[in-house]
Amino acid sequence: MKKSLCIALLVLSCLSAWRTGTAETNVIVYCDDNYPPYSYAINGQPRGIYPAILTQAFARMEKYRVTILPIPWKRGLHDIENGTVFAICPPYFRPQERPFMWPYSVPILQEKVVLLCREDIMKDAPRRIWPDDFHGLTIGSNDGFILGGKTFFEEVRKNNIRIDEARSNRVNILKLGIRRTDCYINDRLAILWELNKLKQEGLYHEGARHARLREVLVINTEWGHLGYTNRDFGRFHFKEDFIATFNAVITAMQKNGDIERIMEQTIAAPE
């Protein structure tokens, strides 16, 4: 009797361990560590709109225990290309420019990409057509970002326009302010967030030490996604199920308004 009971308990223990193992597949997902207010880091911890959305989404995926790791964007892309990391957030949909990244999740959040320029640049000539009216100028951009459209990059290749890349919104805005660049292209909310912080910290004196700035054009709208490596060669055996589960959760969060609420709450209480 005791022997049978011991065997039964052993079987139950094994079943419990098996269930626990299958219910808690450990996954690491990268996020940009320097793209406030969307995705950034404080003391190595993920902060911003996308990490807040992902945290809630992953909590609803019972099979997975997901760690969100803030990382410099270019390093993250490098690891995705090498297949050493599973996924990164929040890339825009760029399958041709980044053949190493596939598939993309369903769209998570829409961003509006704008061009911010110094006022004196706009006084020189009317500039209404992108990118034709911006020949001869230097456009600031974040490292690893692909913004501006195909025609813009054709003009860059022809040396009609120059790109000047920097690591963060803050550096790009300050370079624009001291006239090292002429314009800066990025998401509107990301630009305004950082510019307001710089002014509050007394580091940007618009119209005095620094140039007056003006939003000139809305270039386009972009959706942020979770982008997966396609260079893992089967290393992430759970990939297909994870993608389907995550897409279903994000779609439900879109429909019930959770994503909009998370965005509003995060913006209302900045860190």
Protein backbone atom coordinates (compact mmCIF):
# COMPACT_ATOMS: atom_id res chain seq x y z
CA MET A 1 0.00 0.00 0.00
CA LYS A 2 2.78 2.37 1.03
CA LYS A 3 4.69 1.46 -2.12
CA SER A 4 1.66 2.25 -4.31
CA LEU A 5 1.15 5.56 -2.51
CA CYS A 6 4.80 6.51 -3.04
CA ILE A 7 4.55 5.71 -6.74
CA ALA A 8 1.36 7.76 -7.04
CA LEU A 9 2.97 10.71 -5.29
CA LEU A 10 6.03 10.43 -7.54
CA VAL A 11 3.84 10.43 -10.66
CA LEU A 12 1.91 13.47 -9.40
CA SER A 13 5.18 15.24 -8.63
CA CYS A 14 6.50 14.57 -12.14
CA LEU A 15 3.24 15.76 -13.70
CA SER A 16 3.35 18.91 -11.60
CA ALA A 17 6.95 19.60 -12.61
CA TRP A 18 6.10 18.99 -16.27
CA ARG A 19 3.14 21.37 -16.10
CA THR A 20 5.22 24.02 -14.37
CA GLY A 21 7.96 23.69 -16.96
CA THR A 22 5.60 24.02 -19.89
CA ALA A 23 3.74 26.91 -18.23
CA GLU A 24 6.82 29.03 -17.63
CA THR A 25 8.98 29.11 -20.72
CA ASN A 26 11.54 31.83 -20.04
CA VAL A 27 11.87 34.41 -22.80
CA ILE A 28 13.96 37.59 -23.14
CA VAL A 29 12.63 40.46 -25.23
CA TYR A 30 14.74 43.54 -25.95
CA CYS A 31 13.41 47.09 -25.89
CA ASP A 32 15.05 50.37 -26.85
CA ASP A 33 16.79 51.94 -23.84
CA ASN A 34 16.82 55.51 -25.18
CA TYR A 35 13.58 56.39 -26.94
CA PRO A 36 11.46 58.27 -24.38
CA PRO A 37 8.57 58.39 -23.79
CA TYR A 38 8.02 55.20 -25.78
CA SER A 39 10.84 53.01 -24.51
CA TYR A 40 13.77 53.83 -22.24
CA ALA A 41 15.59 52.73 -19.10
CA ILE A 42 15.99 54.04 -15.56
CA ASN A 43 18.70 52.28 -13.53
CA GLY A 44 18.60 49.43 -16.01
CA GLN A 45 14.84 48.93 -15.68
CA PRO A 46 12.47 49.27 -18.68
CA ARG A 47 10.23 52.32 -18.69
CA GLY A 48 7.88 53.97 -21.16
CA ILE A 49 4.76 53.25 -23.15
CA TYR A 50 5.88 50.10 -24.97
CA PRO A 51 7.33 48.34 -21.90
CA ALA A 52 4.11 49.15 -20.02
CA ILE A 53 2.04 47.63 -22.83
CA LEU A 54 4.31 44.59 -23.12
CA THR A 55 4.30 44.00 -19.37
CA GLN A 56 0.51 43.75 -19.34
CA ALA A 57 0.44 41.66 -22.51
CA PHE A 58 3.03 39.18 -21.27
CA ALA A 59 1.20 38.83 -17.94
CA ARG A 60 -1.76 37.45 -19.92
CA MET A 61 0.40 34.83 -21.67
CA GLU A 62 0.26 32.03 -19.12
CA LYS A 63 2.81 29.76 -20.81
CA TYR A 64 5.59 32.34 -20.71
CA ARG A 65 7.69 34.24 -18.23
CA VAL A 66 9.06 37.18 -20.22
CA THR A 67 11.89 39.48 -19.17
CA ILE A 68 12.02 42.88 -20.90
CA LEU A 69 15.63 43.98 -21.25
CA PRO A 70 16.48 47.60 -22.21
CA ILE A 71 19.34 47.71 -24.70
CA PRO A 72 20.97 50.27 -27.06
CA TRP A 73 18.99 50.09 -30.28
CA LYS A 74 21.88 49.34 -32.64
CA ARG A 75 23.18 46.60 -30.36
CA GLY A 76 19.69 45.13 -30.21
CA LEU A 77 19.42 45.07 -34.00
CA HIS A 78 22.86 43.44 -34.18
CA ASP A 79 21.75 40.65 -31.82
CA ILE A 80 18.52 40.16 -33.77
CA GLU A 81 20.56 39.86 -36.97
CA ASN A 82 22.85 37.29 -35.34
CA GLY A 83 19.87 35.31 -34.04
CA THR A 84 21.06 35.47 -30.43
CA VAL A 85 17.97 37.26 -29.13
CA PHE A 86 14.34 36.37 -29.74
CA ALA A 87 12.59 39.71 -30.31
CA ILE A 88 12.91 43.48 -30.02
CA CYS A 89 10.46 46.36 -29.54
CA PRO A 90 9.44 48.73 -31.14
CA PRO A 91 10.70 48.44 -34.76
CA TYR A 92 8.73 49.92 -37.61
CA PHE A 93 7.79 47.58 -40.46
CA ARG A 94 10.99 47.43 -42.57
CA PRO A 95 11.21 43.90 -44.09
CA GLN A 96 13.37 44.96 -47.05
CA GLU A 97 15.83 47.05 -45.07
CA ARG A 98 16.05 44.46 -42.27
CA PRO A 99 15.82 41.02 -43.91
CA PHE A 100 17.01 39.42 -40.67
CA MET A 101 13.81 40.44 -38.86
CA TRP A 102 10.68 38.38 -39.51
CA PRO A 103 7.89 38.13 -38.74
CA TYR A 104 6.52 41.26 -37.12
CA SER A 105 3.75 41.24 -34.56
CA VAL A 106 0.43 42.87 -35.22
CA PRO A 107 0.74 46.68 -34.96
CA ILE A 108 0.93 47.81 -31.34
CA LEU A 109 0.92 51.62 -31.33
CA GLN A 110 0.77 54.33 -34.00
CA GLU A 111 3.40 57.08 -34.00
CA LYS A 112 3.45 60.28 -36.06
CA VAL A 113 6.83 61.06 -37.66
CA VAL A 114 7.56 64.77 -38.08
CA LEU A 115 10.35 67.05 -39.23
CA LEU A 116 11.57 69.65 -36.73
CA CYS A 117 13.74 72.45 -38.14
CA ARG A 118 15.45 75.63 -37.01
CA GLU A 119 13.35 78.70 -37.76
CA ASP A 120 16.21 80.42 -39.59
CA ILE A 121 16.37 77.49 -42.04
CA MET A 122 12.73 78.02 -42.87
CA LYS A 123 13.27 81.75 -43.48
CA ASP A 124 15.79 81.07 -46.22
CA ALA A 125 13.29 79.48 -48.58
CA PRO A 126 9.79 78.01 -48.59
CA ARG A 127 10.12 74.32 -47.79
CA ARG A 128 6.88 72.45 -48.29
CA ILE A 129 7.78 69.41 -50.40
CA TRP A 130 9.62 66.51 -48.76
CA PRO A 131 12.42 65.84 -49.47
CA ASP A 132 12.95 67.98 -52.59
CA ASP A 133 12.83 71.33 -50.76
CA PHE A 134 15.47 70.22 -48.24
CA HIS A 135 18.45 69.75 -50.56
CA GLY A 136 21.75 70.93 -49.09
CA LEU A 137 20.61 70.46 -45.49
CA THR A 138 21.79 68.15 -42.72
CA ILE A 139 19.00 66.09 -41.16
CA GLY A 140 19.48 64.63 -37.69
CA SER A 141 18.30 61.08 -37.01
CA ASN A 142 18.65 58.48 -34.26
CA ASP A 143 21.17 55.65 -34.67
CA GLY A 144 19.62 52.64 -36.38
CA PHE A 145 16.34 54.39 -37.20
CA ILE A 146 15.10 54.24 -40.80
CA LEU A 147 12.86 57.28 -41.19
CA GLY A 148 12.03 59.59 -44.06
CA GLY A 149 10.99 57.25 -46.85
CA LYS A 150 12.66 55.77 -49.93
CA THR A 151 12.85 59.06 -51.85
CA PHE A 152 14.63 60.68 -48.90
CA PHE A 153 17.31 57.99 -48.84
CA GLU A 154 17.71 58.26 -52.60
CA GLU A 155 18.49 61.95 -52.13
CA VAL A 156 20.97 61.03 -49.39
CA ARG A 157 22.69 58.55 -51.72
CA LYS A 158 22.95 61.29 -54.34
CA ASN A 159 24.56 63.57 -51.70
CA ASN A 160 21.73 66.06 -52.05
CA ILE A 161 20.93 65.70 -48.34
CA ARG A 162 23.16 64.62 -45.46
CA ILE A 163 22.13 62.45 -42.50
CA ASP A 164 23.75 63.06 -39.12
CA GLU A 165 23.04 60.23 -36.66
CA ALA A 166 23.17 60.49 -32.87
CA ARG A 167 22.31 58.03 -30.13
CA SER A 168 19.32 59.78 -28.58
CA ASN A 169 16.55 62.37 -28.93
CA ARG A 170 18.37 64.57 -26.42
CA VAL A 171 21.63 64.68 -28.34
CA ASN A 172 19.84 65.28 -31.64
CA ILE A 173 17.79 68.18 -30.24
CA LEU A 174 20.86 69.81 -28.68
CA LYS A 175 22.81 69.45 -31.95
CA LEU A 176 19.90 71.11 -33.73
CA GLY A 177 19.83 73.86 -31.13
CA ILE A 178 23.51 74.72 -31.54
CA ARG A 179 23.17 74.63 -35.34
CA ARG A 180 25.23 71.52 -36.03
CA THR A 181 22.22 70.16 -37.91
CA ASP A 182 19.40 71.90 -39.76
CA CYS A 183 16.44 69.61 -39.03
CA TYR A 184 15.61 66.51 -37.01
CA ILE A 185 13.27 63.68 -37.99
CA ASN A 186 11.54 61.55 -35.37
CA ASP A 187 8.24 60.84 -33.67
CA ARG A 188 6.38 63.99 -32.58
CA LEU A 189 5.68 62.85 -29.03
CA ALA A 190 9.27 61.68 -28.51
CA ILE A 191 10.60 65.07 -29.68
CA LEU A 192 8.22 67.14 -27.55
CA TRP A 193 8.84 64.98 -24.48
CA GLU A 194 12.61 65.46 -24.66
CA LEU A 195 12.50 69.13 -25.65
CA ASN A 196 10.24 69.93 -22.68
CA LYS A 197 12.58 68.05 -20.33
CA LEU A 198 15.58 69.95 -21.65
CA LYS A 199 13.80 73.27 -21.07
CA GLN A 200 12.69 72.25 -17.57
CA GLU A 201 16.27 71.28 -16.71
CA GLY A 202 17.57 74.61 -17.99
CA LEU A 203 19.57 72.96 -20.76
CA TYR A 204 17.72 74.42 -23.76
CA HIS A 205 17.31 78.21 -24.05
CA GLU A 206 15.18 78.63 -27.16
CA GLY A 207 15.79 81.95 -28.90
CA ALA A 208 18.87 82.71 -26.78
CA ARG A 209 21.74 80.22 -26.62
CA HIS A 210 19.77 77.78 -28.76
CA ALA A 211 17.89 78.12 -32.01
CA ARG A 212 14.14 78.56 -32.20
CA LEU A 213 12.55 75.38 -33.51
CA ARG A 214 9.47 74.70 -35.59
CA GLU A 215 7.61 71.58 -36.63
CA VAL A 216 7.63 71.83 -40.41
CA LEU A 217 6.05 68.69 -41.84
CA VAL A 218 4.32 65.49 -40.87
CA ILE A 219 6.38 62.99 -42.84
CA ASN A 220 4.18 59.96 -42.22
CA THR A 221 2.67 57.75 -39.56
CA GLU A 222 4.33 54.55 -38.39
CA TRP A 223 3.28 51.59 -36.27
CA GLY A 224 5.55 50.07 -33.66
CA HIS A 225 5.73 46.27 -33.50
CA LEU A 226 7.47 43.43 -31.76
CA GLY A 227 10.01 42.20 -34.31
CA TYR A 228 11.39 38.65 -34.23
CA THR A 229 14.69 37.27 -35.46
CA ASN A 230 14.58 34.88 -38.41
CA ARG A 231 18.23 33.88 -37.93
CA ASP A 232 17.74 31.60 -34.92
CA PHE A 233 17.62 28.33 -36.93
CA GLY A 234 15.12 26.74 -34.58
CA ARG A 235 16.78 27.88 -31.35
CA PHE A 236 13.50 29.37 -30.11
CA HIS A 237 11.29 26.28 -30.40
CA PHE A 238 8.32 28.11 -28.87
CA LYS A 239 8.37 30.88 -31.50
CA GLU A 240 5.24 29.99 -33.47
CA ASP A 241 3.03 29.63 -30.40
CA PHE A 242 4.46 32.78 -28.78
CA ILE A 243 3.77 34.88 -31.87
CA ALA A 244 0.19 33.66 -32.21
CA THR A 245 -0.51 34.15 -28.50
CA PHE A 246 1.04 37.63 -28.38
CA ASN A 247 -0.87 38.76 -31.48
CA ALA A 248 -4.16 37.59 -29.98
CA VAL A 249 -3.47 39.40 -26.70
CA ILE A 250 -2.47 42.67 -28.39
CA THR A 251 -5.54 42.54 -30.67
CA ALA A 252 -7.78 42.11 -27.62
CA MET A 253 -6.02 45.00 -25.84
CA GLN A 254 -6.56 47.19 -28.89
CA LYS A 255 -10.26 46.38 -29.01
CA ASN A 256 -11.00 46.93 -25.33
CA GLY A 257 -9.06 50.20 -25.10
CA ASP A 258 -6.30 48.92 -22.82
CA ILE A 259 -3.48 50.18 -25.02
CA GLU A 260 -4.93 53.68 -25.24
CA ARG A 261 -5.38 53.75 -21.45
CA ILE A 262 -1.81 52.58 -20.85
CA MET A 263 -0.47 55.28 -23.17
CA GLU A 264 -2.47 58.02 -21.41
CA GLN A 265 -1.45 56.82 -17.94
CA THR A 266 2.23 56.62 -18.87
CA ILE A 267 2.28 60.11 -20.39
CA ALA A 268 0.37 61.54 -17.40
CA ALA A 269 2.96 60.20 -14.93
CA PRO A 270 6.38 60.56 -16.57
CA GLU A 271 9.54 59.31 -14.86
